[in-house]
């Protein structure tokens, strides 16, 4: 299985980018993983929130295959512990899906079309994080899940 993290816009903050790069490097020991950067929507000052979400959603949906299992990182999604997340990941990997796509939306979230396409939603926390930090937190949690599954000494219960 291939795992993709799809994000709107590039990661601009240097220390966040460095952290992401470190965990991506670690993840590649376990799984085929990549980050798919979807270009920012232009001229957003002239757009409403709904128009911006629709434009981002259209760009995102164009990158997905019908066979992809799509998981939105969404504040209203299911919360899991790291242990529960690792078990969920193991089940997803055994399901036979070709590609598992996790999605971080833009500043206003997702359009209804993206919600309709998603297979499920997960939440990293009830707290609100900047979108760039969500990327870093997520790749660390994905790495943590693989170390849990391999019984490696990274995660402490």
Protein backbone atom coordinates (compact mmCIF):
# COMPACT_ATOMS: atom_id res chain seq x y z
CA UNK A 1 0.00 0.00 0.00
CA UNK A 2 1.07 3.53 -0.72
CA UNK A 3 0.27 6.29 1.77
CA UNK A 4 -0.07 9.89 0.65
CA UNK A 5 -0.53 13.06 2.65
CA UNK A 6 -2.31 15.59 0.40
CA UNK A 7 -2.01 19.21 1.50
CA UNK A 8 -3.09 22.57 0.16
CA UNK A 9 -0.06 24.81 -0.42
CA UNK A 10 3.60 24.37 0.39
CA UNK A 11 5.11 24.17 3.86
CA UNK A 12 6.70 27.60 4.31
CA UNK A 13 7.96 27.53 7.91
CA UNK A 14 11.54 26.23 7.92
CA UNK A 15 11.58 24.32 11.21
CA UNK A 16 8.26 22.65 10.34
CA UNK A 17 9.60 21.63 6.93
CA UNK A 18 12.74 20.20 8.57
CA UNK A 19 10.65 18.16 11.01
CA UNK A 20 8.44 16.85 8.22
CA UNK A 21 11.49 15.90 6.16
CA UNK A 22 12.93 13.97 9.12
CA UNK A 23 9.77 11.94 9.70
CA UNK A 24 9.25 11.33 5.98
CA UNK A 25 12.77 9.92 5.83
CA UNK A 26 12.00 7.64 8.80
CA UNK A 27 8.64 6.58 7.35
CA UNK A 28 10.19 5.37 4.12
CA UNK A 29 11.78 2.49 6.07
CA UNK A 30 8.26 1.13 6.61
CA UNK A 31 6.04 2.18 3.73
CA UNK A 32 5.89 3.97 0.40
CA UNK A 33 4.98 7.46 1.52
CA UNK A 34 4.81 10.84 -0.17
CA UNK A 35 3.40 14.30 0.35
CA UNK A 36 1.33 15.69 -2.47
CA UNK A 37 1.30 19.48 -2.53
CA UNK A 38 -1.78 20.95 -4.17
CA UNK A 39 -1.25 24.51 -5.35
CA UNK A 40 -2.76 27.39 -3.44
CA UNK A 41 -5.82 28.99 -4.98
CA UNK A 42 -4.98 32.38 -6.47
CA UNK A 43 -6.78 35.69 -5.88
CA UNK A 44 -8.43 34.52 -2.66
CA UNK A 45 -8.95 38.11 -1.51
CA UNK A 46 -11.75 38.34 -4.05
CA UNK A 47 -13.33 35.05 -2.96
CA UNK A 48 -15.71 34.11 -0.21
CA UNK A 49 -14.78 31.26 2.14
CA UNK A 50 -17.19 28.99 0.26
CA UNK A 51 -15.63 29.89 -3.10
CA UNK A 52 -12.12 29.28 -1.77
CA UNK A 53 -13.14 25.88 -0.31
CA UNK A 54 -14.81 24.97 -3.61
CA UNK A 55 -11.71 25.88 -5.65
CA UNK A 56 -9.39 23.98 -3.29
CA UNK A 57 -11.79 21.05 -3.30
CA UNK A 58 -11.88 20.90 -7.08
CA UNK A 59 -8.06 20.86 -7.23
CA UNK A 60 -7.88 18.19 -4.54
CA UNK A 61 -10.52 15.94 -6.09
CA UNK A 62 -8.67 16.06 -9.41
CA UNK A 63 -5.70 14.31 -7.74
CA UNK A 64 -7.70 11.37 -6.35
CA UNK A 65 -8.37 8.01 -7.95
CA UNK A 66 -11.71 6.30 -7.45
CA UNK A 67 -9.95 3.42 -5.67
CA UNK A 68 -8.24 5.69 -3.09
CA UNK A 69 -9.31 5.40 0.53
CA UNK A 70 -9.58 9.07 1.55
CA UNK A 71 -9.25 10.20 5.16
CA UNK A 72 -9.79 13.85 6.03
CA UNK A 73 -7.89 15.35 8.96
CA UNK A 74 -10.85 17.22 10.35
CA UNK A 75 -11.67 18.67 13.76
CA UNK A 76 -15.01 16.81 13.72
CA UNK A 77 -13.44 13.45 12.95
CA UNK A 78 -12.89 10.44 15.17
CA UNK A 79 -10.23 10.88 17.83
CA UNK A 80 -7.91 7.96 18.51
CA UNK A 81 -5.01 7.22 20.79
CA UNK A 82 -1.70 6.47 19.12
CA UNK A 83 -2.21 2.77 19.93
CA UNK A 84 -5.70 2.78 18.42
CA UNK A 85 -4.40 4.63 15.36
CA UNK A 86 -1.72 2.00 14.80
CA UNK A 87 -4.31 -0.80 14.96
CA UNK A 88 -6.59 1.09 12.58
CA UNK A 89 -3.65 1.56 10.20
CA UNK A 90 -2.86 -2.13 10.30
CA UNK A 91 -6.47 -2.99 9.38
CA UNK A 92 -6.46 -0.43 6.54
CA UNK A 93 -3.23 -1.85 5.15
CA UNK A 94 -4.68 -5.37 5.25
CA UNK A 95 -7.86 -4.22 3.47
CA UNK A 96 -6.31 -4.40 0.02
CA UNK A 97 -6.61 -0.71 -0.81
CA UNK A 98 -3.96 0.43 -3.27
CA UNK A 99 -3.53 3.92 -1.82
CA UNK A 100 -4.48 5.52 1.48
CA UNK A 101 -4.74 9.31 1.19
CA UNK A 102 -4.83 11.58 4.24
CA UNK A 103 -5.89 15.15 3.48
CA UNK A 104 -5.16 18.44 5.25
CA UNK A 105 -7.47 21.15 3.95
CA UNK A 106 -6.97 24.84 3.47
CA UNK A 107 -7.58 27.56 6.07
CA UNK A 108 -11.37 27.22 5.92
CA UNK A 109 -11.57 23.44 5.80
CA UNK A 110 -13.18 21.32 3.10
CA UNK A 111 -15.91 21.83 0.53
CA UNK A 112 -19.00 19.64 0.70
CA UNK A 113 -17.76 17.77 -2.40
CA UNK A 114 -14.60 16.75 -0.54
CA UNK A 115 -16.62 15.64 2.50
CA UNK A 116 -18.82 13.60 0.16
CA UNK A 117 -15.78 11.90 -1.44
CA UNK A 118 -14.07 11.09 1.87
CA UNK A 119 -14.31 7.60 3.30
CA UNK A 120 -13.76 8.84 6.84
CA UNK A 121 -12.54 11.69 9.03
CA UNK A 122 -10.05 11.66 11.89
CA UNK A 123 -9.14 14.37 14.37
CA UNK A 124 -5.67 14.83 15.82
CA UNK A 125 -7.02 16.81 18.76
CA UNK A 126 -9.87 18.96 19.96
CA UNK A 127 -7.38 21.83 19.88
CA UNK A 128 -6.86 23.95 16.78
CA UNK A 129 -3.42 23.85 15.14
CA UNK A 130 -1.96 25.82 12.25
CA UNK A 131 -2.24 23.77 9.04
CA UNK A 132 1.53 23.53 8.69
CA UNK A 133 1.90 22.08 12.19
CA UNK A 134 -0.86 19.56 11.47
CA UNK A 135 1.36 18.20 8.71
CA UNK A 136 4.24 17.70 11.11
CA UNK A 137 2.09 16.24 13.88
CA UNK A 138 0.46 13.85 11.43
CA UNK A 139 3.69 12.48 9.90
CA UNK A 140 5.08 11.98 13.42
CA UNK A 141 1.95 10.07 14.43
CA UNK A 142 2.13 7.96 11.28
CA UNK A 143 5.77 7.14 12.08
CA UNK A 144 4.76 6.36 15.67
CA UNK A 145 2.05 3.98 14.42
CA UNK A 146 4.59 1.98 12.42
CA UNK A 147 7.00 1.77 15.35
CA UNK A 148 4.14 0.51 17.54
CA UNK A 149 3.25 -2.14 14.96
CA UNK A 150 6.89 -3.25 14.80
CA UNK A 151 7.25 -3.24 18.61
CA UNK A 152 10.13 -0.76 18.36
CA UNK A 153 11.17 1.36 21.37
CA UNK A 154 9.82 4.73 20.22
CA UNK A 155 6.37 4.79 21.80
CA UNK A 156 5.98 4.58 25.59
CA UNK A 157 2.69 3.59 27.18
